[in-house]
Amino acid sequence: MDLDGIIQVSIGQFYGIEINDFAVTVAKTVLWIAESQMMKETEDVVHMSLDFLPLKSYANITESNALQLDRESVVPKHKLNYIMGNPPFVGARMMGSAQKTM
């Protein structure tokens, strides 16, 4: 069965930039767990067993400073539909001008 018609979202479509190496590892692990759970639920919908282990997808999480990295080096703009991000946790009054323009 061709899963491309069934599965329309994959972890390969998600990209991230994280400065902390431990957080990068955690993010990749969480995406792999989410993929495993998604595949299990897909099995229930299509009523067939899917061979998805070992997980083959690559989590596109880049270890770098998002304020300094050329984001085009992570994913080209033309491939993006949505951009989401976490705000700095220091608060608006303590943000530098570079953080406010992002």
N, C-alpha and C. Protein backbone atom coordinates (compact mmCIF):
# COMPACT_ATOMS: atom_id res chain seq x y z
N MET A 1 0.85 -1.19 0.00
CA MET A 1 0.00 0.00 0.00
C MET A 1 0.88 1.24 0.00
N ASP A 2 0.52 2.22 -0.79
CA ASP A 2 1.28 3.48 -0.86
C ASP A 2 0.86 4.38 0.29
N LEU A 3 1.78 4.59 1.23
CA LEU A 3 1.46 5.41 2.41
C LEU A 3 1.48 6.90 2.11
N ASP A 4 2.02 7.31 0.97
CA ASP A 4 2.08 8.73 0.65
C ASP A 4 0.69 9.35 0.55
N GLY A 5 -0.28 8.59 0.11
CA GLY A 5 -1.65 9.10 0.02
C GLY A 5 -2.35 9.14 1.36
N ILE A 6 -1.88 8.34 2.30
CA ILE A 6 -2.50 8.25 3.62
C ILE A 6 -1.85 9.22 4.60
N ILE A 7 -0.54 9.19 4.65
CA ILE A 7 0.20 10.02 5.60
C ILE A 7 0.59 11.32 4.92
N GLN A 8 0.03 12.41 5.40
CA GLN A 8 0.28 13.70 4.77
C GLN A 8 1.24 14.59 5.56
N VAL A 9 1.54 14.20 6.78
CA VAL A 9 2.48 14.95 7.63
C VAL A 9 3.50 13.97 8.18
N SER A 10 4.78 14.33 8.08
CA SER A 10 5.83 13.48 8.63
C SER A 10 6.82 14.34 9.40
N ILE A 11 7.62 13.70 10.23
CA ILE A 11 8.58 14.50 11.01
C ILE A 11 9.64 15.13 10.11
N GLY A 12 9.80 14.60 8.92
CA GLY A 12 10.73 15.20 7.97
C GLY A 12 10.32 16.59 7.52
N GLN A 13 9.08 16.98 7.78
CA GLN A 13 8.58 18.29 7.40
C GLN A 13 8.82 19.34 8.50
N PHE A 14 9.30 18.91 9.64
CA PHE A 14 9.51 19.82 10.76
C PHE A 14 10.99 20.14 10.89
N TYR A 15 11.30 21.40 11.05
CA TYR A 15 12.67 21.86 11.20
C TYR A 15 12.76 22.66 12.49
N GLY A 16 13.91 22.61 13.12
CA GLY A 16 14.10 23.37 14.34
C GLY A 16 15.54 23.83 14.48
N ILE A 17 15.71 24.91 15.21
CA ILE A 17 17.04 25.43 15.53
C ILE A 17 17.08 25.58 17.05
N GLU A 18 18.05 24.96 17.66
CA GLU A 18 18.17 24.99 19.12
C GLU A 18 19.62 25.17 19.48
N ILE A 19 19.88 26.04 20.42
CA ILE A 19 21.27 26.35 20.80
C ILE A 19 21.85 25.33 21.78
N ASN A 20 21.01 24.67 22.55
CA ASN A 20 21.45 23.74 23.59
C ASN A 20 21.53 22.32 23.04
N ASP A 21 22.70 21.68 23.15
CA ASP A 21 22.88 20.34 22.57
C ASP A 21 21.97 19.31 23.20
N PHE A 22 21.74 19.39 24.50
CA PHE A 22 20.84 18.44 25.15
C PHE A 22 19.42 18.62 24.64
N ALA A 23 18.99 19.87 24.48
CA ALA A 23 17.64 20.15 23.97
C ALA A 23 17.48 19.64 22.54
N VAL A 24 18.55 19.68 21.74
CA VAL A 24 18.50 19.13 20.38
C VAL A 24 18.21 17.63 20.45
N THR A 25 18.92 16.93 21.30
CA THR A 25 18.72 15.49 21.45
C THR A 25 17.31 15.19 21.93
N VAL A 26 16.82 15.95 22.88
CA VAL A 26 15.46 15.75 23.39
C VAL A 26 14.44 16.00 22.28
N ALA A 27 14.62 17.06 21.51
CA ALA A 27 13.68 17.38 20.43
C ALA A 27 13.64 16.27 19.38
N LYS A 28 14.80 15.75 19.01
CA LYS A 28 14.84 14.66 18.03
C LYS A 28 14.14 13.42 18.58
N THR A 29 14.38 13.11 19.85
CA THR A 29 13.75 11.95 20.47
C THR A 29 12.24 12.11 20.52
N VAL A 30 11.77 13.30 20.89
CA VAL A 30 10.33 13.56 20.96
C VAL A 30 9.69 13.40 19.57
N LEU A 31 10.37 13.88 18.54
CA LEU A 31 9.83 13.74 17.19
C LEU A 31 9.76 12.27 16.78
N TRP A 32 10.77 11.49 17.12
CA TRP A 32 10.75 10.06 16.80
C TRP A 32 9.63 9.34 17.55
N ILE A 33 9.43 9.69 18.81
CA ILE A 33 8.33 9.10 19.58
C ILE A 33 6.99 9.49 18.95
N ALA A 34 6.84 10.75 18.57
CA ALA A 34 5.61 11.20 17.92
C ALA A 34 5.37 10.45 16.62
N GLU A 35 6.44 10.22 15.85
CA GLU A 35 6.30 9.48 14.60
C GLU A 35 5.85 8.05 14.88
N SER A 36 6.43 7.42 15.87
CA SER A 36 6.04 6.06 16.22
C SER A 36 4.57 6.00 16.62
N GLN A 37 4.13 6.96 17.44
CA GLN A 37 2.74 7.00 17.86
C GLN A 37 1.81 7.26 16.66
N MET A 38 2.24 8.14 15.77
CA MET A 38 1.44 8.45 14.58
C MET A 38 1.29 7.21 13.70
N MET A 39 2.38 6.47 13.52
CA MET A 39 2.32 5.27 12.69
C MET A 39 1.41 4.22 13.32
N LYS A 40 1.45 4.09 14.64
CA LYS A 40 0.58 3.13 15.33
C LYS A 40 -0.88 3.52 15.14
N GLU A 41 -1.19 4.80 15.25
CA GLU A 41 -2.58 5.24 15.04
C GLU A 41 -3.00 5.06 13.59
N THR A 42 -2.06 5.26 12.66
CA THR A 42 -2.35 5.05 11.24
C THR A 42 -2.68 3.59 10.98
N GLU A 43 -1.98 2.69 11.65
CA GLU A 43 -2.30 1.26 11.53
C GLU A 43 -3.76 0.99 11.89
N ASP A 44 -4.22 1.65 12.95
CA ASP A 44 -5.61 1.46 13.39
C ASP A 44 -6.60 2.00 12.36
N VAL A 45 -6.24 3.06 11.67
CA VAL A 45 -7.13 3.66 10.67
C VAL A 45 -7.18 2.82 9.40
N VAL A 46 -6.02 2.36 8.92
CA VAL A 46 -5.98 1.61 7.66
C VAL A 46 -6.18 0.11 7.86
N HIS A 47 -6.28 -0.31 9.13
CA HIS A 47 -6.53 -1.72 9.46
C HIS A 47 -5.51 -2.67 8.83
N MET A 48 -4.25 -2.27 8.94
CA MET A 48 -3.17 -3.14 8.47
C MET A 48 -1.91 -2.81 9.24
N SER A 49 -1.01 -3.75 9.28
CA SER A 49 0.26 -3.56 9.98
C SER A 49 1.24 -2.82 9.08
N LEU A 50 1.85 -1.78 9.61
CA LEU A 50 2.83 -1.00 8.86
C LEU A 50 4.23 -1.28 9.40
N ASP A 51 5.17 -1.47 8.51
CA ASP A 51 6.55 -1.71 8.90
C ASP A 51 7.26 -0.37 9.04
N PHE A 52 7.32 0.15 10.27
CA PHE A 52 7.94 1.45 10.47
C PHE A 52 9.10 1.41 11.46
N LEU A 53 9.41 0.25 12.00
CA LEU A 53 10.55 0.14 12.90
C LEU A 53 11.68 -0.57 12.19
N PRO A 54 12.90 -0.19 12.33
CA PRO A 54 13.35 0.96 13.12
C PRO A 54 12.96 2.27 12.43
N LEU A 55 12.81 3.31 13.23
CA LEU A 55 12.45 4.61 12.69
C LEU A 55 13.55 5.10 11.76
N LYS A 56 13.17 5.46 10.56
CA LYS A 56 14.15 5.84 9.55
C LYS A 56 14.18 7.34 9.30
N SER A 57 13.14 8.03 9.68
CA SER A 57 13.06 9.46 9.41
C SER A 57 14.13 10.21 10.19
N TYR A 58 14.56 11.30 9.63
CA TYR A 58 15.56 12.14 10.28
C TYR A 58 14.88 13.38 10.81
N ALA A 59 15.11 13.65 12.07
CA ALA A 59 14.57 14.88 12.66
C ALA A 59 15.48 16.04 12.29
N ASN A 60 14.93 17.03 11.65
CA ASN A 60 15.70 18.17 11.14
C ASN A 60 15.89 19.25 12.21
N ILE A 61 16.56 18.90 13.26
CA ILE A 61 16.84 19.84 14.34
C ILE A 61 18.31 20.22 14.25
N THR A 62 18.58 21.49 14.08
CA THR A 62 19.94 22.00 13.93
C THR A 62 20.41 22.62 15.23
N GLU A 63 21.61 22.27 15.65
CA GLU A 63 22.18 22.87 16.86
C GLU A 63 22.91 24.15 16.47
N SER A 64 22.33 25.28 16.84
CA SER A 64 22.92 26.56 16.51
C SER A 64 22.13 27.67 17.21
N ASN A 65 22.66 28.88 17.14
CA ASN A 65 21.99 30.05 17.66
C ASN A 65 21.09 30.60 16.55
N ALA A 66 19.79 30.55 16.76
CA ALA A 66 18.84 30.96 15.73
C ALA A 66 18.96 32.43 15.37
N LEU A 67 19.51 33.24 16.27
CA LEU A 67 19.69 34.66 15.98
C LEU A 67 20.89 34.92 15.07
N GLN A 68 21.80 33.97 15.02
CA GLN A 68 23.02 34.17 14.24
C GLN A 68 23.08 33.30 12.99
N LEU A 69 22.26 32.30 12.91
CA LEU A 69 22.30 31.34 11.80
C LEU A 69 21.50 31.85 10.61
N ASP A 70 22.04 31.66 9.41
CA ASP A 70 21.28 31.93 8.20
C ASP A 70 20.24 30.82 8.08
N ARG A 71 18.99 31.15 8.28
CA ARG A 71 17.93 30.13 8.30
C ARG A 71 17.76 29.44 6.96
N GLU A 72 18.17 30.09 5.90
CA GLU A 72 18.11 29.46 4.57
C GLU A 72 19.04 28.25 4.52
N SER A 73 20.05 28.20 5.38
CA SER A 73 20.94 27.04 5.41
C SER A 73 20.27 25.83 6.07
N VAL A 74 19.20 26.07 6.81
CA VAL A 74 18.45 24.99 7.46
C VAL A 74 17.34 24.49 6.54
N VAL A 75 16.56 25.42 6.02
CA VAL A 75 15.48 25.07 5.09
C VAL A 75 15.20 26.30 4.22
N PRO A 76 15.11 26.12 2.91
CA PRO A 76 14.83 27.26 2.02
C PRO A 76 13.43 27.84 2.28
N LYS A 77 13.30 29.15 2.15
CA LYS A 77 12.02 29.82 2.41
C LYS A 77 10.88 29.24 1.58
N HIS A 78 11.17 28.88 0.34
CA HIS A 78 10.09 28.41 -0.54
C HIS A 78 9.49 27.07 -0.09
N LYS A 79 10.15 26.38 0.83
CA LYS A 79 9.63 25.11 1.34
C LYS A 79 8.78 25.30 2.60
N LEU A 80 8.65 26.53 3.08
CA LEU A 80 7.95 26.79 4.34
C LEU A 80 6.51 27.20 4.12
N ASN A 81 5.64 26.69 4.99
CA ASN A 81 4.25 27.14 5.05
C ASN A 81 3.99 27.90 6.34
N TYR A 82 4.63 27.47 7.41
CA TYR A 82 4.45 28.09 8.72
C TYR A 82 5.79 28.21 9.41
N ILE A 83 5.93 29.27 10.20
CA ILE A 83 7.10 29.44 11.06
C ILE A 83 6.57 29.69 12.47
N MET A 84 7.03 28.88 13.42
CA MET A 84 6.64 29.05 14.81
C MET A 84 7.91 29.13 15.64
N GLY A 85 7.84 29.83 16.73
CA GLY A 85 9.02 29.92 17.57
C GLY A 85 8.67 30.22 19.01
N ASN A 86 9.62 29.92 19.85
CA ASN A 86 9.49 30.27 21.26
C ASN A 86 10.10 31.65 21.47
N PRO A 87 9.42 32.48 22.21
CA PRO A 87 10.02 33.78 22.50
C PRO A 87 11.13 33.63 23.52
N PRO A 88 12.04 34.57 23.57
CA PRO A 88 13.07 34.53 24.63
C PRO A 88 12.38 34.59 26.00
N PHE A 89 12.96 33.93 26.96
CA PHE A 89 12.35 33.86 28.27
C PHE A 89 12.75 35.01 29.19
N VAL A 90 13.56 35.94 28.70
CA VAL A 90 14.02 37.03 29.55
C VAL A 90 13.01 38.16 29.65
N GLY A 91 12.01 38.20 28.81
CA GLY A 91 11.02 39.25 28.85
C GLY A 91 11.36 40.40 27.92
N ALA A 92 10.36 41.13 27.50
CA ALA A 92 10.52 42.19 26.50
C ALA A 92 11.47 43.29 26.95
N ARG A 93 11.47 43.62 28.21
CA ARG A 93 12.31 44.73 28.70
C ARG A 93 13.79 44.37 28.68
N MET A 94 14.11 43.08 28.75
CA MET A 94 15.51 42.67 28.80
C MET A 94 16.03 42.18 27.45
N MET A 95 15.16 42.15 26.44
CA MET A 95 15.58 41.70 25.11
C MET A 95 16.44 42.75 24.44
N GLY A 96 17.47 42.27 23.72
CA GLY A 96 18.29 43.17 22.94
C GLY A 96 17.59 43.52 21.64
N SER A 97 18.13 44.47 20.89
CA SER A 97 17.49 44.91 19.65
C SER A 97 17.46 43.79 18.61
N ALA A 98 18.49 42.92 18.58
CA ALA A 98 18.49 41.81 17.64
C ALA A 98 17.35 40.84 17.91
N GLN A 99 17.02 40.63 19.17
CA GLN A 99 15.94 39.73 19.51
C GLN A 99 14.57 40.34 19.16
N LYS A 100 14.45 41.64 19.26
CA LYS A 100 13.17 42.29 18.99
C LYS A 100 12.84 42.34 17.50
N THR A 101 13.85 42.25 16.65
CA THR A 101 13.60 42.33 15.21
C THR A 101 13.32 40.96 14.61
N MET A 102 13.46 39.89 15.36
CA MET A 102 13.25 38.55 14.81
C MET A 102 11.81 38.21 14.73
